[in-house]
Amino acid sequence: MSRVNITVPDEVIIRAKAAGLNVSRVATSALLEELDRRSKIDALDANLAELERELGPISVEEGAAAAAWVDGVVSGSDARTASRRRSA
């Protein structure tokens, strides 16, 4: 195991200790989640680059439609996402 120093606001440490959290365990978990998230982004970027090489770049309209879809998913207003949430 490696030992590292991290800087955390006093208020956060006070609350974490009061909640009985193991700060090292929580920090390790957060780091693993971030590494996994970045790995998924890298894989998606590689996949999108491959699609662009095979099919060419997307049009402005397709880009706008994709951005609108993402905004809907992030805000929770996408009909397909909302439907899946209701049925779960």
N, C-alpha and C. Protein backbone atom coordinates (compact mmCIF):
# COMPACT_ATOMS: atom_id res chain seq x y z
N MET A 1 0.83 -1.18 0.00
CA MET A 1 0.00 0.00 0.00
C MET A 1 0.88 1.24 0.00
N SER A 2 0.43 2.22 -0.74
CA SER A 2 1.12 3.52 -0.74
C SER A 2 0.42 4.47 0.19
N ARG A 3 1.18 5.36 0.76
CA ARG A 3 0.61 6.41 1.60
C ARG A 3 0.73 7.71 0.82
N VAL A 4 -0.35 8.47 0.78
CA VAL A 4 -0.34 9.76 0.11
C VAL A 4 -1.02 10.79 1.00
N ASN A 5 -0.71 12.03 0.76
CA ASN A 5 -1.38 13.13 1.47
C ASN A 5 -2.38 13.75 0.52
N ILE A 6 -3.58 14.00 1.02
CA ILE A 6 -4.58 14.71 0.23
C ILE A 6 -5.05 15.92 1.04
N THR A 7 -5.52 16.91 0.35
CA THR A 7 -6.05 18.10 1.01
C THR A 7 -7.56 18.08 0.89
N VAL A 8 -8.21 18.13 2.04
CA VAL A 8 -9.67 18.08 2.10
C VAL A 8 -10.11 19.21 3.02
N PRO A 9 -11.15 19.93 2.65
CA PRO A 9 -11.63 21.00 3.53
C PRO A 9 -11.96 20.46 4.94
N ASP A 10 -11.64 21.26 5.95
CA ASP A 10 -11.87 20.85 7.34
C ASP A 10 -13.31 20.39 7.57
N GLU A 11 -14.26 21.13 7.04
CA GLU A 11 -15.68 20.80 7.22
C GLU A 11 -16.00 19.39 6.71
N VAL A 12 -15.40 19.02 5.60
CA VAL A 12 -15.65 17.70 5.02
C VAL A 12 -15.07 16.61 5.91
N ILE A 13 -13.87 16.81 6.41
CA ILE A 13 -13.25 15.82 7.30
C ILE A 13 -14.03 15.70 8.60
N ILE A 14 -14.46 16.80 9.14
CA ILE A 14 -15.26 16.77 10.37
C ILE A 14 -16.52 15.94 10.16
N ARG A 15 -17.22 16.19 9.06
CA ARG A 15 -18.45 15.45 8.77
C ARG A 15 -18.17 13.98 8.51
N ALA A 16 -17.07 13.69 7.79
CA ALA A 16 -16.71 12.30 7.49
C ALA A 16 -16.40 11.53 8.77
N LYS A 17 -15.63 12.13 9.65
CA LYS A 17 -15.30 11.47 10.91
C LYS A 17 -16.55 11.28 11.76
N ALA A 18 -17.42 12.30 11.80
CA ALA A 18 -18.66 12.19 12.57
C ALA A 18 -19.54 11.07 12.04
N ALA A 19 -19.48 10.83 10.73
CA ALA A 19 -20.27 9.77 10.11
C ALA A 19 -19.59 8.40 10.24
N GLY A 20 -18.38 8.40 10.80
CA GLY A 20 -17.67 7.14 10.97
C GLY A 20 -17.09 6.59 9.68
N LEU A 21 -16.87 7.45 8.70
CA LEU A 21 -16.33 6.98 7.42
C LEU A 21 -14.85 6.69 7.51
N ASN A 22 -14.42 5.69 6.79
CA ASN A 22 -13.00 5.40 6.63
C ASN A 22 -12.57 6.22 5.41
N VAL A 23 -11.88 7.33 5.67
CA VAL A 23 -11.53 8.28 4.61
C VAL A 23 -10.67 7.61 3.55
N SER A 24 -9.75 6.77 3.96
CA SER A 24 -8.90 6.09 2.98
C SER A 24 -9.73 5.20 2.07
N ARG A 25 -10.68 4.47 2.64
CA ARG A 25 -11.52 3.57 1.84
C ARG A 25 -12.39 4.37 0.87
N VAL A 26 -12.96 5.47 1.35
CA VAL A 26 -13.81 6.31 0.49
C VAL A 26 -12.98 6.95 -0.62
N ALA A 27 -11.78 7.42 -0.29
CA ALA A 27 -10.92 8.03 -1.31
C ALA A 27 -10.51 7.00 -2.35
N THR A 28 -10.18 5.79 -1.90
CA THR A 28 -9.81 4.72 -2.84
C THR A 28 -10.98 4.40 -3.75
N SER A 29 -12.17 4.29 -3.18
CA SER A 29 -13.36 4.00 -3.99
C SER A 29 -13.62 5.10 -5.01
N ALA A 30 -13.48 6.35 -4.58
CA ALA A 30 -13.70 7.48 -5.50
C ALA A 30 -12.67 7.48 -6.63
N LEU A 31 -11.42 7.17 -6.29
CA LEU A 31 -10.38 7.11 -7.32
C LEU A 31 -10.66 5.99 -8.32
N LEU A 32 -11.08 4.83 -7.82
CA LEU A 32 -11.40 3.72 -8.72
C LEU A 32 -12.58 4.07 -9.63
N GLU A 33 -13.60 4.72 -9.09
CA GLU A 33 -14.74 5.13 -9.90
C GLU A 33 -14.31 6.11 -10.98
N GLU A 34 -13.45 7.06 -10.64
CA GLU A 34 -12.99 8.05 -11.62
C GLU A 34 -12.14 7.38 -12.70
N LEU A 35 -11.28 6.45 -12.31
CA LEU A 35 -10.48 5.72 -13.29
C LEU A 35 -11.37 4.93 -14.24
N ASP A 36 -12.41 4.30 -13.70
CA ASP A 36 -13.35 3.54 -14.53
C ASP A 36 -14.10 4.48 -15.48
N ARG A 37 -14.53 5.62 -14.96
CA ARG A 37 -15.25 6.61 -15.79
C ARG A 37 -14.36 7.07 -16.94
N ARG A 38 -13.10 7.38 -16.64
CA ARG A 38 -12.19 7.84 -17.68
C ARG A 38 -11.90 6.74 -18.70
N SER A 39 -11.80 5.51 -18.26
CA SER A 39 -11.59 4.39 -19.16
C SER A 39 -12.77 4.25 -20.13
N LYS A 40 -13.98 4.42 -19.61
CA LYS A 40 -15.17 4.33 -20.46
C LYS A 40 -15.20 5.48 -21.47
N ILE A 41 -14.82 6.67 -21.04
CA ILE A 41 -14.78 7.82 -21.95
C ILE A 41 -13.76 7.56 -23.05
N ASP A 42 -12.58 7.04 -22.68
CA ASP A 42 -11.55 6.74 -23.68
C ASP A 42 -12.05 5.71 -24.69
N ALA A 43 -12.75 4.67 -24.20
CA ALA A 43 -13.29 3.64 -25.09
C ALA A 43 -14.35 4.23 -26.01
N LEU A 44 -15.20 5.10 -25.48
CA LEU A 44 -16.23 5.75 -26.30
C LEU A 44 -15.59 6.64 -27.35
N ASP A 45 -14.59 7.42 -26.95
CA ASP A 45 -13.89 8.29 -27.91
C ASP A 45 -13.26 7.46 -29.03
N ALA A 46 -12.66 6.34 -28.68
CA ALA A 46 -12.04 5.47 -29.71
C ALA A 46 -13.11 4.92 -30.64
N ASN A 47 -14.25 4.53 -30.06
CA ASN A 47 -15.34 3.99 -30.88
C ASN A 47 -15.90 5.06 -31.81
N LEU A 48 -16.09 6.25 -31.30
CA LEU A 48 -16.61 7.34 -32.13
C LEU A 48 -15.62 7.70 -33.24
N ALA A 49 -14.33 7.70 -32.94
CA ALA A 49 -13.32 7.99 -33.95
C ALA A 49 -13.35 6.93 -35.05
N GLU A 50 -13.51 5.67 -34.65
CA GLU A 50 -13.59 4.58 -35.64
C GLU A 50 -14.83 4.74 -36.52
N LEU A 51 -15.96 5.08 -35.92
CA LEU A 51 -17.18 5.31 -36.71
C LEU A 51 -16.99 6.47 -37.68
N GLU A 52 -16.33 7.52 -37.22
CA GLU A 52 -16.11 8.67 -38.10
C GLU A 52 -15.18 8.29 -39.26
N ARG A 53 -14.18 7.46 -39.00
CA ARG A 53 -13.30 7.00 -40.08
C ARG A 53 -14.08 6.16 -41.08
N GLU A 54 -14.98 5.32 -40.59
CA GLU A 54 -15.74 4.43 -41.47
C GLU A 54 -16.86 5.16 -42.20
N LEU A 55 -17.57 6.05 -41.50
CA LEU A 55 -18.79 6.64 -42.05
C LEU A 55 -18.68 8.12 -42.39
N GLY A 56 -17.58 8.74 -41.98
CA GLY A 56 -17.42 10.17 -42.20
C GLY A 56 -18.00 10.95 -41.03
N PRO A 57 -17.74 12.25 -41.00
CA PRO A 57 -18.21 13.07 -39.88
C PRO A 57 -19.72 13.23 -39.90
N ILE A 58 -20.27 13.52 -38.73
CA ILE A 58 -21.72 13.74 -38.65
C ILE A 58 -22.03 15.15 -39.15
N SER A 59 -23.28 15.32 -39.54
CA SER A 59 -23.71 16.64 -40.02
C SER A 59 -23.98 17.56 -38.83
N VAL A 60 -24.13 18.84 -39.11
CA VAL A 60 -24.46 19.82 -38.08
C VAL A 60 -25.80 19.44 -37.44
N GLU A 61 -26.76 19.02 -38.27
CA GLU A 61 -28.08 18.65 -37.76
C GLU A 61 -27.99 17.43 -36.83
N GLU A 62 -27.19 16.43 -37.24
CA GLU A 62 -27.03 15.24 -36.40
C GLU A 62 -26.35 15.60 -35.08
N GLY A 63 -25.38 16.50 -35.14
CA GLY A 63 -24.70 16.95 -33.92
C GLY A 63 -25.66 17.68 -32.99
N ALA A 64 -26.52 18.52 -33.57
CA ALA A 64 -27.50 19.25 -32.76
C ALA A 64 -28.51 18.30 -32.14
N ALA A 65 -28.95 17.31 -32.90
CA ALA A 65 -29.90 16.33 -32.37
C ALA A 65 -29.26 15.52 -31.25
N ALA A 66 -28.01 15.14 -31.42
CA ALA A 66 -27.31 14.38 -30.37
C ALA A 66 -27.14 15.23 -29.12
N ALA A 67 -26.78 16.50 -29.29
CA ALA A 67 -26.61 17.38 -28.14
C ALA A 67 -27.94 17.56 -27.40
N ALA A 68 -29.04 17.69 -28.14
CA ALA A 68 -30.35 17.83 -27.52
C ALA A 68 -30.72 16.57 -26.75
N TRP A 69 -30.40 15.40 -27.32
CA TRP A 69 -30.67 14.14 -26.64
C TRP A 69 -29.89 14.05 -25.34
N VAL A 70 -28.60 14.40 -25.39
CA VAL A 70 -27.77 14.36 -24.19
C VAL A 70 -28.33 15.31 -23.13
N ASP A 71 -28.70 16.53 -23.54
CA ASP A 71 -29.27 17.48 -22.60
C ASP A 71 -30.52 16.91 -21.95
N GLY A 72 -31.35 16.22 -22.74
CA GLY A 72 -32.56 15.61 -22.20
C GLY A 72 -32.24 14.49 -21.22
N VAL A 73 -31.25 13.69 -21.53
CA VAL A 73 -30.87 12.59 -20.63
C VAL A 73 -30.32 13.16 -19.33
N VAL A 74 -29.47 14.17 -19.44
CA VAL A 74 -28.86 14.76 -18.24
C VAL A 74 -29.92 15.41 -17.37
N SER A 75 -30.88 16.07 -17.98
CA SER A 75 -31.93 16.73 -17.20
C SER A 75 -33.05 15.77 -16.81
N GLY A 76 -33.03 14.56 -17.35
CA GLY A 76 -34.05 13.57 -17.01
C GLY A 76 -35.32 13.70 -17.81
N SER A 77 -35.32 14.49 -18.88
CA SER A 77 -36.55 14.71 -19.64
C SER A 77 -36.64 13.87 -20.90
N ASP A 78 -35.64 13.04 -21.18
CA ASP A 78 -35.69 12.19 -22.36
C ASP A 78 -36.80 11.15 -22.17
N ALA A 79 -37.69 11.03 -23.14
CA ALA A 79 -38.84 10.13 -23.02
C ALA A 79 -38.41 8.69 -22.81
N ARG A 80 -37.38 8.23 -23.53
CA ARG A 80 -36.94 6.84 -23.39
C ARG A 80 -36.36 6.60 -22.00
N THR A 81 -35.59 7.56 -21.49
CA THR A 81 -35.01 7.42 -20.15
C THR A 81 -36.10 7.42 -19.11
N ALA A 82 -37.05 8.34 -19.24
CA ALA A 82 -38.14 8.42 -18.27
C ALA A 82 -38.97 7.15 -18.28
N SER A 83 -39.20 6.60 -19.47
CA SER A 83 -39.96 5.36 -19.58
C SER A 83 -39.24 4.22 -18.89
N ARG A 84 -37.93 4.13 -19.08
CA ARG A 84 -37.16 3.06 -18.42
C ARG A 84 -37.20 3.22 -16.92
N ARG A 85 -37.15 4.46 -16.43
CA ARG A 85 -37.19 4.67 -15.00
C ARG A 85 -38.54 4.26 -14.42
N ARG A 86 -39.63 4.53 -15.13
CA ARG A 86 -40.95 4.17 -14.65
C ARG A 86 -41.13 2.67 -14.60
N SER A 87 -40.55 1.96 -15.58
CA SER A 87 -40.76 0.52 -15.65
C SER A 87 -39.81 -0.25 -14.74
N ALA A 88 -38.81 0.41 -14.19
CA ALA A 88 -37.83 -0.29 -13.33
C ALA A 88 -38.36 -0.49 -11.93
